[in-house]
Amino acid sequence: RSHLATIEQVRRILKDEGVSYRIIL
């Protein structure tokens, strides 16, 4: 759960900062 929350938090920060991103397994 902590690992998944970390992924979500990084995604949220990048989005909030207006940074284009792609998440890859």
PDB file of all heavy atoms in Angstrom:
ATOM      1  N   ARG A   1       0.838  -1.211   0.000  1.00  0.00           N
ATOM      2  CA  ARG A   1       0.000   0.000   0.000  1.00  0.00           C
ATOM      3  C   ARG A   1       0.869   1.256   0.000  1.00  0.00           C
ATOM      4  O   ARG A   1       0.584   2.225  -0.693  1.00  0.00           O
ATOM      5  CB  ARG A   1      -0.952  -0.006   1.193  1.00  0.00           C
ATOM      6  CG  ARG A   1      -2.132  -0.938   1.021  1.00  0.00           C
ATOM      7  CD  ARG A   1      -3.191  -0.710   2.091  1.00  0.00           C
ATOM      8  NE  ARG A   1      -2.733  -1.134   3.404  1.00  0.00           N
ATOM      9  CZ  ARG A   1      -2.863  -2.362   3.893  1.00  0.00           C
ATOM     10  NH1 ARG A   1      -3.440  -3.295   3.177  1.00  0.00           N
ATOM     11  NH2 ARG A   1      -2.421  -2.657   5.104  1.00  0.00           N
ATOM     12  N   SER A   2       1.949   1.233   0.771  1.00  0.00           N
ATOM     13  CA  SER A   2       2.865   2.369   0.823  1.00  0.00           C
ATOM     14  C   SER A   2       3.510   2.609  -0.546  1.00  0.00           C
ATOM     15  O   SER A   2       3.636   3.760  -0.990  1.00  0.00           O
ATOM     16  CB  SER A   2       3.936   2.109   1.880  1.00  0.00           C
ATOM     17  OG  SER A   2       4.864   3.151   1.907  1.00  0.00           O
ATOM     18  N   HIS A   3       3.912   1.538  -1.200  1.00  0.00           N
ATOM     19  CA  HIS A   3       4.527   1.636  -2.527  1.00  0.00           C
ATOM     20  C   HIS A   3       3.551   2.262  -3.523  1.00  0.00           C
ATOM     21  O   HIS A   3       3.902   3.186  -4.260  1.00  0.00           O
ATOM     22  CB  HIS A   3       4.952   0.234  -2.979  1.00  0.00           C
ATOM     23  CG  HIS A   3       5.640   0.198  -4.301  1.00  0.00           C
ATOM     24  ND1 HIS A   3       6.939   0.615  -4.476  1.00  0.00           N
ATOM     25  CD2 HIS A   3       5.212  -0.220  -5.512  1.00  0.00           C
ATOM     26  CE1 HIS A   3       7.280   0.460  -5.743  1.00  0.00           C
ATOM     27  NE2 HIS A   3       6.249  -0.048  -6.398  1.00  0.00           N
ATOM     28  N   LEU A   4       2.320   1.770  -3.527  1.00  0.00           N
ATOM     29  CA  LEU A   4       1.307   2.314  -4.439  1.00  0.00           C
ATOM     30  C   LEU A   4       0.988   3.769  -4.119  1.00  0.00           C
ATOM     31  O   LEU A   4       0.797   4.582  -5.020  1.00  0.00           O
ATOM     32  CB  LEU A   4       0.039   1.456  -4.394  1.00  0.00           C
ATOM     33  CG  LEU A   4       0.194   0.039  -4.938  1.00  0.00           C
ATOM     34  CD1 LEU A   4      -1.049  -0.793  -4.650  1.00  0.00           C
ATOM     35  CD2 LEU A   4       0.507   0.050  -6.421  1.00  0.00           C
ATOM     36  N   ALA A   5       0.976   4.115  -2.824  1.00  0.00           N
ATOM     37  CA  ALA A   5       0.728   5.506  -2.427  1.00  0.00           C
ATOM     38  C   ALA A   5       1.859   6.415  -2.895  1.00  0.00           C
ATOM     39  O   ALA A   5       1.624   7.563  -3.281  1.00  0.00           O
ATOM     40  CB  ALA A   5       0.558   5.599  -0.909  1.00  0.00           C
ATOM     41  N   THR A   6       3.086   5.906  -2.884  1.00  0.00           N
ATOM     42  CA  THR A   6       4.230   6.686  -3.363  1.00  0.00           C
ATOM     43  C   THR A   6       4.094   6.986  -4.848  1.00  0.00           C
ATOM     44  O   THR A   6       4.323   8.118  -5.291  1.00  0.00           O
ATOM     45  CB  THR A   6       5.549   5.943  -3.086  1.00  0.00           C
ATOM     46  OG1 THR A   6       5.668   5.745  -1.676  1.00  0.00           O
ATOM     47  CG2 THR A   6       6.742   6.733  -3.610  1.00  0.00           C
ATOM     48  N   ILE A   7       3.714   5.978  -5.622  1.00  0.00           N
ATOM     49  CA  ILE A   7       3.496   6.183  -7.060  1.00  0.00           C
ATOM     50  C   ILE A   7       2.443   7.259  -7.277  1.00  0.00           C
ATOM     51  O   ILE A   7       2.626   8.179  -8.079  1.00  0.00           O
ATOM     52  CB  ILE A   7       3.091   4.864  -7.747  1.00  0.00           C
ATOM     53  CG1 ILE A   7       4.236   3.848  -7.661  1.00  0.00           C
ATOM     54  CG2 ILE A   7       2.676   5.109  -9.195  1.00  0.00           C
ATOM     55  CD1 ILE A   7       3.830   2.430  -8.027  1.00  0.00           C
ATOM     56  N   GLU A   8       1.357   7.169  -6.533  1.00  0.00           N
ATOM     57  CA  GLU A   8       0.270   8.138  -6.678  1.00  0.00           C
ATOM     58  C   GLU A   8       0.717   9.538  -6.264  1.00  0.00           C
ATOM     59  O   GLU A   8       0.378  10.523  -6.914  1.00  0.00           O
ATOM     60  CB  GLU A   8      -0.943   7.700  -5.862  1.00  0.00           C
ATOM     61  CG  GLU A   8      -2.113   8.645  -5.918  1.00  0.00           C
ATOM     62  CD  GLU A   8      -2.627   8.919  -7.330  1.00  0.00           C
ATOM     63  OE1 GLU A   8      -2.464   8.076  -8.230  1.00  0.00           O
ATOM     64  OE2 GLU A   8      -3.204  10.014  -7.540  1.00  0.00           O
ATOM     65  N   GLN A   9       1.502   9.646  -5.197  1.00  0.00           N
ATOM     66  CA  GLN A   9       1.960  10.959  -4.747  1.00  0.00           C
ATOM     67  C   GLN A   9       2.891  11.598  -5.772  1.00  0.00           C
ATOM     68  O   GLN A   9       2.787  12.800  -6.047  1.00  0.00           O
ATOM     69  CB  GLN A   9       2.659  10.848  -3.399  1.00  0.00           C
ATOM     70  CG  GLN A   9       3.049  12.202  -2.845  1.00  0.00           C
ATOM     71  CD  GLN A   9       3.550  12.120  -1.427  1.00  0.00           C
ATOM     72  OE1 GLN A   9       3.665  11.053  -0.843  1.00  0.00           O
ATOM     73  NE2 GLN A   9       3.859  13.264  -0.853  1.00  0.00           N
ATOM     74  N   VAL A  10       3.797  10.833  -6.348  1.00  0.00           N
ATOM     75  CA  VAL A  10       4.687  11.372  -7.384  1.00  0.00           C
ATOM     76  C   VAL A  10       3.856  11.839  -8.578  1.00  0.00           C
ATOM     77  O   VAL A  10       4.075  12.928  -9.112  1.00  0.00           O
ATOM     78  CB  VAL A  10       5.740  10.320  -7.801  1.00  0.00           C
ATOM     79  CG1 VAL A  10       6.477  10.753  -9.065  1.00  0.00           C
ATOM     80  CG2 VAL A  10       6.728  10.075  -6.671  1.00  0.00           C
ATOM     81  N   ARG A  11       2.880  11.035  -8.980  1.00  0.00           N
ATOM     82  CA  ARG A  11       2.005  11.403 -10.091  1.00  0.00           C
ATOM     83  C   ARG A  11       1.278  12.723  -9.792  1.00  0.00           C
ATOM     84  O   ARG A  11       1.219  13.621 -10.622  1.00  0.00           O
ATOM     85  CB  ARG A  11       0.984  10.286 -10.353  1.00  0.00           C
ATOM     86  CG  ARG A  11       0.143  10.538 -11.603  1.00  0.00           C
ATOM     87  CD  ARG A  11      -1.155   9.738 -11.592  1.00  0.00           C
ATOM     88  NE  ARG A  11      -2.050  10.129 -10.511  1.00  0.00           N
ATOM     89  CZ  ARG A  11      -2.784  11.244 -10.485  1.00  0.00           C
ATOM     90  NH1 ARG A  11      -2.716  12.109 -11.460  1.00  0.00           N
ATOM     91  NH2 ARG A  11      -3.576  11.504  -9.467  1.00  0.00           N
ATOM     92  N   ARG A  12       0.762  12.837  -8.587  1.00  0.00           N
ATOM     93  CA  ARG A  12       0.017  14.032  -8.188  1.00  0.00           C
ATOM     94  C   ARG A  12       0.907  15.275  -8.181  1.00  0.00           C
ATOM     95  O   ARG A  12       0.508  16.339  -8.666  1.00  0.00           O
ATOM     96  CB  ARG A  12      -0.587  13.813  -6.801  1.00  0.00           C
ATOM     97  CG  ARG A  12      -1.689  14.770  -6.446  1.00  0.00           C
ATOM     98  CD  ARG A  12      -2.395  14.437  -5.133  1.00  0.00           C
ATOM     99  NE  ARG A  12      -2.559  13.022  -4.895  1.00  0.00           N
ATOM    100  CZ  ARG A  12      -2.010  12.346  -3.869  1.00  0.00           C
ATOM    101  NH1 ARG A  12      -1.278  12.957  -2.974  1.00  0.00           N
ATOM    102  NH2 ARG A  12      -2.218  11.050  -3.727  1.00  0.00           N
ATOM    103  N   ILE A  13       2.120  15.142  -7.653  1.00  0.00           N
ATOM    104  CA  ILE A  13       3.043  16.284  -7.606  1.00  0.00           C
ATOM    105  C   ILE A  13       3.400  16.741  -9.017  1.00  0.00           C
ATOM    106  O   ILE A  13       3.390  17.946  -9.312  1.00  0.00           O
ATOM    107  CB  ILE A  13       4.312  15.924  -6.800  1.00  0.00           C
ATOM    108  CG1 ILE A  13       3.966  15.799  -5.319  1.00  0.00           C
ATOM    109  CG2 ILE A  13       5.411  16.968  -7.025  1.00  0.00           C
ATOM    110  CD1 ILE A  13       5.070  15.185  -4.479  1.00  0.00           C
ATOM    111  N   LEU A  14       3.729  15.795  -9.876  1.00  0.00           N
ATOM    112  CA  LEU A  14       4.072  16.166 -11.256  1.00  0.00           C
ATOM    113  C   LEU A  14       2.896  16.862 -11.937  1.00  0.00           C
ATOM    114  O   LEU A  14       3.074  17.873 -12.618  1.00  0.00           O
ATOM    115  CB  LEU A  14       4.514  14.937 -12.047  1.00  0.00           C
ATOM    116  CG  LEU A  14       5.851  14.327 -11.613  1.00  0.00           C
ATOM    117  CD1 LEU A  14       6.072  12.990 -12.310  1.00  0.00           C
ATOM    118  CD2 LEU A  14       7.001  15.282 -11.875  1.00  0.00           C
ATOM    119  N   LYS A  15       1.712  16.339 -11.727  1.00  0.00           N
ATOM    120  CA  LYS A  15       0.522  16.948 -12.323  1.00  0.00           C
ATOM    121  C   LYS A  15       0.303  18.358 -11.770  1.00  0.00           C
ATOM    122  O   LYS A  15       0.055  19.296 -12.528  1.00  0.00           O
ATOM    123  CB  LYS A  15      -0.710  16.075 -12.046  1.00  0.00           C
ATOM    124  CG  LYS A  15      -1.966  16.589 -12.679  1.00  0.00           C
ATOM    125  CD  LYS A  15      -3.130  15.675 -12.421  1.00  0.00           C
ATOM    126  CE  LYS A  15      -4.384  16.255 -13.043  1.00  0.00           C
ATOM    127  NZ  LYS A  15      -5.578  15.495 -12.680  1.00  0.00           N
ATOM    128  N   ASP A  16       0.396  18.502 -10.456  1.00  0.00           N
ATOM    129  CA  ASP A  16       0.199  19.812  -9.828  1.00  0.00           C
ATOM    130  C   ASP A  16       1.228  20.840 -10.295  1.00  0.00           C
ATOM    131  O   ASP A  16       0.930  22.030 -10.380  1.00  0.00           O
ATOM    132  CB  ASP A  16       0.255  19.699  -8.298  1.00  0.00           C
ATOM    133  CG  ASP A  16      -0.950  18.990  -7.706  1.00  0.00           C
ATOM    134  OD1 ASP A  16      -1.939  18.744  -8.444  1.00  0.00           O
ATOM    135  OD2 ASP A  16      -0.900  18.658  -6.507  1.00  0.00           O
ATOM    136  N   GLU A  17       2.442  20.372 -10.584  1.00  0.00           N
ATOM    137  CA  GLU A  17       3.500  21.263 -11.046  1.00  0.00           C
ATOM    138  C   GLU A  17       3.433  21.515 -12.551  1.00  0.00           C
ATOM    139  O   GLU A  17       4.229  22.271 -13.096  1.00  0.00           O
ATOM    140  CB  GLU A  17       4.876  20.694 -10.682  1.00  0.00           C
ATOM    141  CG  GLU A  17       5.146  20.673  -9.192  1.00  0.00           C
ATOM    142  CD  GLU A  17       5.180  22.066  -8.579  1.00  0.00           C
ATOM    143  OE1 GLU A  17       5.693  23.002  -9.236  1.00  0.00           O
ATOM    144  OE2 GLU A  17       4.680  22.229  -7.446  1.00  0.00           O
ATOM    145  N   GLY A  18       2.492  20.873 -13.224  1.00  0.00           N
ATOM    146  CA  GLY A  18       2.330  21.068 -14.653  1.00  0.00           C
ATOM    147  C   GLY A  18       3.406  20.406 -15.494  1.00  0.00           C
ATOM    148  O   GLY A  18       3.663  20.830 -16.620  1.00  0.00           O
ATOM    149  N   VAL A  19       4.030  19.371 -14.941  1.00  0.00           N
ATOM    150  CA  VAL A  19       5.091  18.662 -15.660  1.00  0.00           C
ATOM    151  C   VAL A  19       4.474  17.494 -16.431  1.00  0.00           C
ATOM    152  O   VAL A  19       3.743  16.676 -15.862  1.00  0.00           O
ATOM    153  CB  VAL A  19       6.162  18.134 -14.678  1.00  0.00           C
ATOM    154  CG1 VAL A  19       7.216  17.321 -15.411  1.00  0.00           C
ATOM    155  CG2 VAL A  19       6.806  19.287 -13.911  1.00  0.00           C
ATOM    156  N   SER A  20       4.772  17.428 -17.694  1.00  0.00           N
ATOM    157  CA  SER A  20       4.334  16.302 -18.508  1.00  0.00           C
ATOM    158  C   SER A  20       5.094  15.058 -18.043  1.00  0.00           C
ATOM    159  O   SER A  20       6.300  15.116 -17.797  1.00  0.00           O
ATOM    160  CB  SER A  20       4.647  16.593 -19.976  1.00  0.00           C
ATOM    161  OG  SER A  20       4.424  15.457 -20.767  1.00  0.00           O
ATOM    162  N   TYR A  21       4.394  13.946 -17.909  1.00  0.00           N
ATOM    163  CA  TYR A  21       5.048  12.730 -17.433  1.00  0.00           C
ATOM    164  C   TYR A  21       4.405  11.497 -18.049  1.00  0.00           C
ATOM    165  O   TYR A  21       3.293  11.536 -18.559  1.00  0.00           O
ATOM    166  CB  TYR A  21       4.985  12.630 -15.901  1.00  0.00           C
ATOM    167  CG  TYR A  21       3.582  12.466 -15.377  1.00  0.00           C
ATOM    168  CD1 TYR A  21       3.045  11.200 -15.150  1.00  0.00           C
ATOM    169  CD2 TYR A  21       2.777  13.570 -15.126  1.00  0.00           C
ATOM    170  CE1 TYR A  21       1.757  11.049 -14.683  1.00  0.00           C
ATOM    171  CE2 TYR A  21       1.491  13.430 -14.659  1.00  0.00           C
ATOM    172  CZ  TYR A  21       0.978  12.163 -14.438  1.00  0.00           C
ATOM    173  OH  TYR A  21      -0.298  12.027 -13.983  1.00  0.00           O
ATOM    174  N   ARG A  22       5.169  10.427 -17.952  1.00  0.00           N
ATOM    175  CA  ARG A  22       4.677   9.115 -18.386  1.00  0.00           C
ATOM    176  C   ARG A  22       5.140   8.123 -17.329  1.00  0.00           C
ATOM    177  O   ARG A  22       6.274   8.172 -16.867  1.00  0.00           O
ATOM    178  CB  ARG A  22       5.260   8.765 -19.743  1.00  0.00           C
ATOM    179  CG  ARG A  22       4.761   7.457 -20.308  1.00  0.00           C
ATOM    180  CD  ARG A  22       5.148   7.274 -21.747  1.00  0.00           C
ATOM    181  NE  ARG A  22       6.562   7.513 -21.962  1.00  0.00           N
ATOM    182  CZ  ARG A  22       7.327   6.789 -22.772  1.00  0.00           C
ATOM    183  NH1 ARG A  22       6.820   5.805 -23.471  1.00  0.00           N
ATOM    184  NH2 ARG A  22       8.601   7.065 -22.919  1.00  0.00           N
ATOM    185  N   ILE A  23       4.258   7.215 -16.932  1.00  0.00           N
ATOM    186  CA  ILE A  23       4.585   6.201 -15.935  1.00  0.00           C
ATOM    187  C   ILE A  23       4.752   4.871 -16.661  1.00  0.00           C
ATOM    188  O   ILE A  23       3.875   4.460 -17.418  1.00  0.00           O
ATOM    189  CB  ILE A  23       3.490   6.111 -14.854  1.00  0.00           C
ATOM    190  CG1 ILE A  23       3.359   7.461 -14.140  1.00  0.00           C
ATOM    191  CG2 ILE A  23       3.798   4.998 -13.866  1.00  0.00           C
ATOM    192  CD1 ILE A  23       2.257   7.519 -13.102  1.00  0.00           C
ATOM    193  N   ILE A  24       5.900   4.226 -16.417  1.00  0.00           N
ATOM    194  CA  ILE A  24       6.222   2.983 -17.119  1.00  0.00           C
ATOM    195  C   ILE A  24       6.591   1.902 -16.111  1.00  0.00           C
ATOM    196  O   ILE A  24       7.427   2.129 -15.225  1.00  0.00           O
ATOM    197  CB  ILE A  24       7.409   3.181 -18.095  1.00  0.00           C
ATOM    198  CG1 ILE A  24       7.115   4.290 -19.092  1.00  0.00           C
ATOM    199  CG2 ILE A  24       7.754   1.871 -18.802  1.00  0.00           C
ATOM    200  CD1 ILE A  24       8.298   4.642 -19.970  1.00  0.00           C
ATOM    201  N   LEU A  25       6.011   0.745 -16.261  1.00  0.00           N
ATOM    202  CA  LEU A  25       6.373  -0.422 -15.465  1.00  0.00           C
ATOM    203  C   LEU A  25       7.806  -0.814 -15.801  1.00  0.00           C
ATOM    204  O   LEU A  25       8.189  -0.845 -16.976  1.00  0.00           O
ATOM    205  CB  LEU A  25       5.418  -1.573 -15.780  1.00  0.00           C
ATOM    206  CG  LEU A  25       5.631  -2.893 -15.062  1.00  0.00           C
ATOM    207  CD1 LEU A  25       5.465  -2.719 -13.558  1.00  0.00           C
ATOM    208  CD2 LEU A  25       4.635  -3.917 -15.584  1.00  0.00           C
TER     209      LEU A  25
END
